[in-house]
PDB file of N, CA and C in Angstrom:
ATOM      1  N   UNK A   1    -123.417 144.252-100.750  1.00  0.00           N
ATOM      2  CA  UNK A   1    -124.082 143.202-101.507  1.00  0.00           C
ATOM      3  C   UNK A   1    -123.018 142.430-102.277  1.00  0.00           C
ATOM      4  N   UNK A   2    -122.914 141.161-101.995  1.00  0.00           N
ATOM      5  CA  UNK A   2    -121.953 140.311-102.683  1.00  0.00           C
ATOM      6  C   UNK A   2    -122.730 139.423-103.659  1.00  0.00           C
ATOM      7  N   UNK A   3    -122.466 139.599-104.932  1.00  0.00           N
ATOM      8  CA  UNK A   3    -123.094 138.799-105.978  1.00  0.00           C
ATOM      9  C   UNK A   3    -122.174 137.630-106.317  1.00  0.00           C
ATOM     10  N   UNK A   4    -122.647 136.418-106.135  1.00  0.00           N
ATOM     11  CA  UNK A   4    -121.821 135.245-106.417  1.00  0.00           C
ATOM     12  C   UNK A   4    -122.122 134.619-107.771  1.00  0.00           C
ATOM     13  N   UNK A   5    -122.992 135.238-108.554  1.00  0.00           N
ATOM     14  CA  UNK A   5    -123.353 134.678-109.858  1.00  0.00           C
ATOM     15  C   UNK A   5    -122.146 134.529-110.774  1.00  0.00           C
ATOM     16  N   UNK A   6    -121.200 135.441-110.698  1.00  0.00           N
ATOM     17  CA  UNK A   6    -120.040 135.418-111.586  1.00  0.00           C
ATOM     18  C   UNK A   6    -118.830 134.709-110.976  1.00  0.00           C
ATOM     19  N   UNK A   7    -118.986 134.197-109.763  1.00  0.00           N
ATOM     20  CA  UNK A   7    -117.864 133.526-109.099  1.00  0.00           C
ATOM     21  C   UNK A   7    -117.544 132.245-109.845  1.00  0.00           C
ATOM     22  N   UNK A   8    -116.270 132.072-110.170  1.00  0.00           N
ATOM     23  CA  UNK A   8    -115.853 130.945-110.995  1.00  0.00           C
ATOM     24  C   UNK A   8    -115.795 129.607-110.301  1.00  0.00           C
ATOM     25  N   UNK A   9    -115.654 129.567-109.011  1.00  0.00           N
ATOM     26  CA  UNK A   9    -115.544 128.288-108.325  1.00  0.00           C
ATOM     27  C   UNK A   9    -115.618 128.464-106.824  1.00  0.00           C
ATOM     28  N   UNK A  10    -115.578 127.346-106.133  1.00  0.00           N
ATOM     29  CA  UNK A  10    -115.720 127.331-104.677  1.00  0.00           C
ATOM     30  C   UNK A  10    -114.674 128.194-103.960  1.00  0.00           C
ATOM     31  N   UNK A  11    -113.448 128.219-104.470  1.00  0.00           N
ATOM     32  CA  UNK A  11    -112.385 128.957-103.788  1.00  0.00           C
ATOM     33  C   UNK A  11    -112.485 130.464-103.999  1.00  0.00           C
ATOM     34  N   UNK A  12    -113.359 130.905-104.883  1.00  0.00           N
ATOM     35  CA  UNK A  12    -113.477 132.332-105.183  1.00  0.00           C
ATOM     36  C   UNK A  12    -114.443 133.069-104.258  1.00  0.00           C
ATOM     37  N   UNK A  13    -115.181 132.364-103.430  1.00  0.00           N
ATOM     38  CA  UNK A  13    -116.158 133.015-102.561  1.00  0.00           C
ATOM     39  C   UNK A  13    -115.498 134.003-101.600  1.00  0.00           C
ATOM     40  N   UNK A  14    -114.475 133.620-100.829  1.00  0.00           N
ATOM     41  CA  UNK A  14    -113.846 134.602 -99.943  1.00  0.00           C
ATOM     42  C   UNK A  14    -113.285 135.802-100.705  1.00  0.00           C
ATOM     43  N   UNK A  15    -112.775 135.584-101.898  1.00  0.00           N
ATOM     44  CA  UNK A  15    -112.250 136.686-102.712  1.00  0.00           C
ATOM     45  C   UNK A  15    -113.367 137.652-103.080  1.00  0.00           C
ATOM     46  N   UNK A  16    -114.521 137.134-103.458  1.00  0.00           N
ATOM     47  CA  UNK A  16    -115.657 137.990-103.817  1.00  0.00           C
ATOM     48  C   UNK A  16    -116.110 138.822-102.625  1.00  0.00           C
ATOM     49  N   UNK A  17    -116.203 138.214-101.460  1.00  0.00           N
ATOM     50  CA  UNK A  17    -116.618 138.937-100.254  1.00  0.00           C
ATOM     51  C   UNK A  17    -115.583 140.004 -99.899  1.00  0.00           C
ATOM     52  N   UNK A  18    -114.320 139.633 -99.905  1.00  0.00           N
ATOM     53  CA  UNK A  18    -113.253 140.577 -99.567  1.00  0.00           C
ATOM     54  C   UNK A  18    -113.210 141.750-100.540  1.00  0.00           C
ATOM     55  N   UNK A  19    -113.384 141.484-101.811  1.00  0.00           N
ATOM     56  CA  UNK A  19    -113.347 142.538-102.822  1.00  0.00           C
ATOM     57  C   UNK A  19    -114.452 143.557-102.591  1.00  0.00           C
ATOM     58  N   UNK A  20    -115.666 143.089-102.354  1.00  0.00           N
ATOM     59  CA  UNK A  20    -116.791 143.998-102.118  1.00  0.00           C
ATOM     60  C   UNK A  20    -116.549 144.843-100.868  1.00  0.00           C
ATOM     61  N   UNK A  21    -115.940 144.255 -99.848  1.00  0.00           N
ATOM     62  CA  UNK A  21    -115.706 144.966 -98.596  1.00  0.00           C
ATOM     63  C   UNK A  21    -114.403 145.761 -98.586  1.00  0.00           C
ATOM     64  N   UNK A  22    -113.622 145.653 -99.651  1.00  0.00           N
ATOM     65  CA  UNK A  22    -112.362 146.393 -99.728  1.00  0.00           C
ATOM     66  C   UNK A  22    -111.283 145.858 -98.807  1.00  0.00           C
ATOM     67  N   UNK A  23    -111.295 144.557 -98.567  1.00  0.00           N
ATOM     68  CA  UNK A  23    -110.325 143.919 -97.677  1.00  0.00           C
ATOM     69  C   UNK A  23    -109.279 143.209 -98.520  1.00  0.00           C
ATOM     70  N   UNK A  24    -108.013 143.423 -98.192  1.00  0.00           N
ATOM     71  CA  UNK A  24    -106.922 142.801 -98.935  1.00  0.00           C
ATOM     72  C   UNK A  24    -106.276 141.692 -98.104  1.00  0.00           C
ATOM     73  N   UNK A  25    -105.675 140.700 -98.771  1.00  0.00           N
ATOM     74  CA  UNK A  25    -105.008 139.609 -98.049  1.00  0.00           C
ATOM     75  C   UNK A  25    -103.925 140.143 -97.109  1.00  0.00           C
ATOM     76  N   UNK A  26    -103.745 139.457 -95.986  1.00  0.00           N
ATOM     77  CA  UNK A  26    -102.749 139.845 -94.986  1.00  0.00           C
ATOM     78  C   UNK A  26    -101.833 138.663 -94.700  1.00  0.00           C
ATOM     79  N   UNK A  27    -100.628 138.713 -95.207  1.00  0.00           N
ATOM     80  CA  UNK A  27     -99.651 137.665 -94.929  1.00  0.00           C
ATOM     81  C   UNK A  27    -100.092 136.296 -95.383  1.00  0.00           C
ATOM     82  N   UNK A  28     -99.876 135.308 -94.527  1.00  0.00           N
ATOM     83  CA  UNK A  28    -100.167 133.917 -94.852  1.00  0.00           C
ATOM     84  C   UNK A  28    -101.568 133.480 -94.430  1.00  0.00           C
ATOM     85  N   UNK A  29    -102.311 134.355 -93.763  1.00  0.00           N
ATOM     86  CA  UNK A  29    -103.642 133.982 -93.270  1.00  0.00           C
ATOM     87  C   UNK A  29    -104.591 133.710 -94.431  1.00  0.00           C
ATOM     88  N   UNK A  30    -105.492 132.764 -94.224  1.00  0.00           N
ATOM     89  CA  UNK A  30    -106.524 132.496 -95.227  1.00  0.00           C
ATOM     90  C   UNK A  30    -107.372 133.759 -95.379  1.00  0.00           C
ATOM     91  N   UNK A  31    -107.764 134.072 -96.600  1.00  0.00           N
ATOM     92  CA  UNK A  31    -108.504 135.302 -96.864  1.00  0.00           C
ATOM     93  C   UNK A  31    -109.805 135.361 -96.067  1.00  0.00           C
ATOM     94  N   UNK A  32    -110.509 134.262 -95.935  1.00  0.00           N
ATOM     95  CA  UNK A  32    -111.755 134.270 -95.173  1.00  0.00           C
ATOM     96  C   UNK A  32    -111.488 134.614 -93.711  1.00  0.00           C
ATOM     97  N   UNK A  33    -110.353 134.187 -93.167  1.00  0.00           N
ATOM     98  CA  UNK A  33    -109.990 134.537 -91.796  1.00  0.00           C
ATOM     99  C   UNK A  33    -109.661 136.020 -91.684  1.00  0.00           C
ATOM    100  N   UNK A  34    -109.011 136.570 -92.688  1.00  0.00           N
ATOM    101  CA  UNK A  34    -108.715 138.000 -92.703  1.00  0.00           C
ATOM    102  C   UNK A  34    -110.010 138.803 -92.729  1.00  0.00           C
ATOM    103  N   UNK A  35    -110.966 138.378 -93.550  1.00  0.00           N
ATOM    104  CA  UNK A  35    -112.270 139.050 -93.609  1.00  0.00           C
ATOM    105  C   UNK A  35    -112.943 138.962 -92.243  1.00  0.00           C
ATOM    106  N   UNK A  36    -112.967 137.788 -91.658  1.00  0.00           N
ATOM    107  CA  UNK A  36    -113.603 137.591 -90.353  1.00  0.00           C
ATOM    108  C   UNK A  36    -112.946 138.459 -89.290  1.00  0.00           C
ATOM    109  N   UNK A  37    -111.631 138.504 -89.267  1.00  0.00           N
ATOM    110  CA  UNK A  37    -110.913 139.320 -88.287  1.00  0.00           C
ATOM    111  C   UNK A  37    -111.197 140.805 -88.486  1.00  0.00           C
ATOM    112  N   UNK A  38    -111.247 141.237 -89.735  1.00  0.00           N
ATOM    113  CA  UNK A  38    -111.496 142.641 -90.045  1.00  0.00           C
ATOM    114  C   UNK A  38    -112.902 143.055 -89.618  1.00  0.00           C
ATOM    115  N   UNK A  39    -113.870 142.175 -89.812  1.00  0.00           N
ATOM    116  CA  UNK A  39    -115.255 142.500 -89.486  1.00  0.00           C
ATOM    117  C   UNK A  39    -115.615 142.217 -88.036  1.00  0.00           C
ATOM    118  N   UNK A  40    -114.755 141.512 -87.337  1.00  0.00           N
ATOM    119  CA  UNK A  40    -115.021 141.029 -85.990  1.00  0.00           C
ATOM    120  C   UNK A  40    -115.938 141.841 -85.111  1.00  0.00           C
ATOM    121  N   UNK A  41    -115.642 143.094 -84.867  1.00  0.00           N
ATOM    122  CA  UNK A  41    -116.440 143.896 -83.948  1.00  0.00           C
ATOM    123  C   UNK A  41    -117.392 144.859 -84.615  1.00  0.00           C
ATOM    124  N   UNK A  42    -117.471 144.836 -85.922  1.00  0.00           N
ATOM    125  CA  UNK A  42    -118.311 145.801 -86.643  1.00  0.00           C
ATOM    126  C   UNK A  42    -119.736 145.295 -86.802  1.00  0.00           C
ATOM    127  N   UNK A  43    -120.643 146.247 -86.895  1.00  0.00           N
ATOM    128  CA  UNK A  43    -122.042 145.926 -87.190  1.00  0.00           C
ATOM    129  C   UNK A  43    -122.286 146.282 -88.640  1.00  0.00           C
ATOM    130  N   UNK A  44    -122.809 145.343 -89.396  1.00  0.00           N
ATOM    131  CA  UNK A  44    -123.124 145.601 -90.788  1.00  0.00           C
ATOM    132  C   UNK A  44    -124.112 144.572 -91.284  1.00  0.00           C
ATOM    133  N   UNK A  45    -124.733 144.902 -92.394  1.00  0.00           N
ATOM    134  CA  UNK A  45    -125.611 143.966 -93.073  1.00  0.00           C
ATOM    135  C   UNK A  45    -124.850 143.471 -94.290  1.00  0.00           C
ATOM    136  N   UNK A  46    -124.569 142.199 -94.327  1.00  0.00           N
ATOM    137  CA  UNK A  46    -123.862 141.591 -95.441  1.00  0.00           C
ATOM    138  C   UNK A  46    -124.844 140.711 -96.196  1.00  0.00           C
ATOM    139  N   UNK A  47    -125.170 141.111 -97.398  1.00  0.00           N
ATOM    140  CA  UNK A  47    -126.109 140.364 -98.224  1.00  0.00           C
ATOM    141  C   UNK A  47    -125.302 139.608 -99.270  1.00  0.00           C
ATOM    142  N   UNK A  48    -125.484 138.297 -99.314  1.00  0.00           N
ATOM    143  CA  UNK A  48    -124.761 137.448-100.260  1.00  0.00           C
ATOM    144  C   UNK A  48    -125.808 136.773-101.146  1.00  0.00           C
ATOM    145  N   UNK A  49    -125.744 137.062-102.447  1.00  0.00           N
ATOM    146  CA  UNK A  49    -126.744 136.573-103.385  1.00  0.00           C
ATOM    147  C   UNK A  49    -126.165 135.482-104.275  1.00  0.00           C
ATOM    148  N   UNK A  50    -127.021 134.599-104.731  1.00  0.00           N
ATOM    149  CA  UNK A  50    -126.672 133.487-105.622  1.00  0.00           C
ATOM    150  C   UNK A  50    -125.760 132.461-104.956  1.00  0.00           C
ATOM    151  N   UNK A  51    -125.976 132.218-103.683  1.00  0.00           N
ATOM    152  CA  UNK A  51    -125.177 131.234-102.941  1.00  0.00           C
ATOM    153  C   UNK A  51    -125.364 129.819-103.466  1.00  0.00           C
ATOM    154  N   UNK A  52    -126.518 129.558-104.073  1.00  0.00           N
ATOM    155  CA  UNK A  52    -126.795 128.197-104.532  1.00  0.00           C
ATOM    156  C   UNK A  52    -125.794 127.720-105.572  1.00  0.00           C
ATOM    157  N   UNK A  53    -125.117 128.654-106.217  1.00  0.00           N
ATOM    158  CA  UNK A  53    -124.145 128.285-107.243  1.00  0.00           C
ATOM    159  C   UNK A  53    -122.852 127.737-106.648  1.00  0.00           C
ATOM    160  N   UNK A  54    -122.551 128.148-105.444  1.00  0.00           N
ATOM    161  CA  UNK A  54    -121.331 127.713-104.744  1.00  0.00           C
ATOM    162  C   UNK A  54    -121.686 127.474-103.273  1.00  0.00           C
ATOM    163  N   UNK A  55    -122.684 126.662-103.053  1.00  0.00           N
ATOM    164  CA  UNK A  55    -123.309 126.502-101.748  1.00  0.00           C
ATOM    165  C   UNK A  55    -122.338 126.123-100.634  1.00  0.00           C
ATOM    166  N   UNK A  56    -121.519 125.120-100.839  1.00  0.00           N
ATOM    167  CA  UNK A  56    -120.609 124.667 -99.780  1.00  0.00           C
ATOM    168  C   UNK A  56    -119.624 125.760 -99.390  1.00  0.00           C
ATOM    169  N   UNK A  57    -119.026 126.402-100.364  1.00  0.00           N
ATOM    170  CA  UNK A  57    -118.039 127.448-100.083  1.00  0.00           C
ATOM    171  C   UNK A  57    -118.690 128.669 -99.460  1.00  0.00           C
ATOM    172  N   UNK A  58    -119.857 129.047 -99.946  1.00  0.00           N
ATOM    173  CA  UNK A  58    -120.560 130.210 -99.393  1.00  0.00           C
ATOM    174  C   UNK A  58    -120.945 129.944 -97.941  1.00  0.00           C
ATOM    175  N   UNK A  59    -121.472 128.769 -97.687  1.00  0.00           N
ATOM    176  CA  UNK A  59    -121.853 128.421 -96.324  1.00  0.00           C
ATOM    177  C   UNK A  59    -120.677 128.427 -95.374  1.00  0.00           C
ATOM    178  N   UNK A  60    -119.580 127.865 -95.805  1.00  0.00           N
ATOM    179  CA  UNK A  60    -118.377 127.825 -94.977  1.00  0.00           C
ATOM    180  C   UNK A  60    -117.836 129.227 -94.708  1.00  0.00           C
ATOM    181  N   UNK A  61    -117.761 130.050 -95.748  1.00  0.00           N
ATOM    182  CA  UNK A  61    -117.234 131.413 -95.596  1.00  0.00           C
ATOM    183  C   UNK A  61    -118.119 132.241 -94.680  1.00  0.00           C
ATOM    184  N   UNK A  62    -119.434 132.178 -94.886  1.00  0.00           N
ATOM    185  CA  UNK A  62    -120.355 132.965 -94.064  1.00  0.00           C
ATOM    186  C   UNK A  62    -120.338 132.486 -92.614  1.00  0.00           C
ATOM    187  N   UNK A  63    -120.232 131.197 -92.413  1.00  0.00           N
ATOM    188  CA  UNK A  63    -120.148 130.671 -91.052  1.00  0.00           C
ATOM    189  C   UNK A  63    -118.904 131.178 -90.338  1.00  0.00           C
ATOM    190  N   UNK A  64    -117.773 131.184 -91.019  1.00  0.00           N
ATOM    191  CA  UNK A  64    -116.529 131.691 -90.432  1.00  0.00           C
ATOM    192  C   UNK A  64    -116.670 133.164 -90.057  1.00  0.00           C
ATOM    193  N   UNK A  65    -117.278 133.947 -90.945  1.00  0.00           N
ATOM    194  CA  UNK A  65    -117.478 135.378 -90.684  1.00  0.00           C
ATOM    195  C   UNK A  65    -118.441 135.571 -89.517  1.00  0.00           C
ATOM    196  N   UNK A  66    -119.538 134.824 -89.501  1.00  0.00           N
ATOM    197  CA  UNK A  66    -120.522 134.934 -88.419  1.00  0.00           C
ATOM    198  C   UNK A  66    -119.907 134.630 -87.058  1.00  0.00           C
ATOM    199  N   UNK A  67    -119.083 133.618 -86.992  1.00  0.00           N
ATOM    200  CA  UNK A  67    -118.481 133.218 -85.728  1.00  0.00           C
ATOM    201  C   UNK A  67    -117.589 134.305 -85.143  1.00  0.00           C
ATOM    202  N   UNK A  68    -117.040 135.153 -86.000  1.00  0.00           N
ATOM    203  CA  UNK A  68    -116.155 136.208 -85.502  1.00  0.00           C
ATOM    204  C   UNK A  68    -116.923 137.445 -85.058  1.00  0.00           C
ATOM    205  N   UNK A  69    -118.196 137.519 -85.423  1.00  0.00           N
ATOM    206  CA  UNK A  69    -119.006 138.703 -85.114  1.00  0.00           C
ATOM    207  C   UNK A  69    -119.949 138.389 -83.962  1.00  0.00           C
ATOM    208  N   UNK A  70    -119.698 138.996 -82.820  1.00  0.00           N
ATOM    209  CA  UNK A  70    -120.586 138.775 -81.682  1.00  0.00           C
ATOM    210  C   UNK A  70    -121.956 139.360 -81.941  1.00  0.00           C
ATOM    211  N   UNK A  71    -122.979 138.692 -81.468  1.00  0.00           N
ATOM    212  CA  UNK A  71    -124.339 139.190 -81.592  1.00  0.00           C
ATOM    213  C   UNK A  71    -124.887 139.166 -82.998  1.00  0.00           C
ATOM    214  N   UNK A  72    -124.407 138.267 -83.821  1.00  0.00           N
ATOM    215  CA  UNK A  72    -124.882 138.194 -85.203  1.00  0.00           C
ATOM    216  C   UNK A  72    -126.265 137.568 -85.284  1.00  0.00           C
ATOM    217  N   UNK A  73    -126.902 137.806 -86.395  1.00  0.00           N
ATOM    218  CA  UNK A  73    -128.179 137.160 -86.705  1.00  0.00           C
ATOM    219  C   UNK A  73    -128.129 136.719 -88.155  1.00  0.00           C
ATOM    220  N   UNK A  74    -128.402 135.468 -88.385  1.00  0.00           N
ATOM    221  CA  UNK A  74    -128.375 134.939 -89.735  1.00  0.00           C
ATOM    222  C   UNK A  74    -129.767 134.490 -90.149  1.00  0.00           C
ATOM    223  N   UNK A  75    -130.177 134.898 -91.338  1.00  0.00           N
ATOM    224  CA  UNK A  75    -131.459 134.465 -91.890  1.00  0.00           C
ATOM    225  C   UNK A  75    -131.191 133.610 -93.114  1.00  0.00           C
ATOM    226  N   UNK A  76    -130.601 132.469 -92.915  1.00  0.00           N
ATOM    227  CA  UNK A  76    -130.284 131.574 -94.027  1.00  0.00           C
ATOM    228  C   UNK A  76    -131.495 130.816 -94.448  1.00  0.00           C
TER     229      UNK A  76
END
């Protein structure tokens, strides 16, 4: 469960997701790409709450993650 209520700004969304999942930055790659690569083949339920506070960033981050996960289902 990723709570975005306390996220300070648009750029903090990938950090919030990575922190909850225990994923650390890898080299020069964008953090959202690292999260997507790490989750690529895994099955999980990722619940992201309070997206309306950072809608554009949340949508972009979740879309990037979804694209890396085959057979995903999104209930946006």
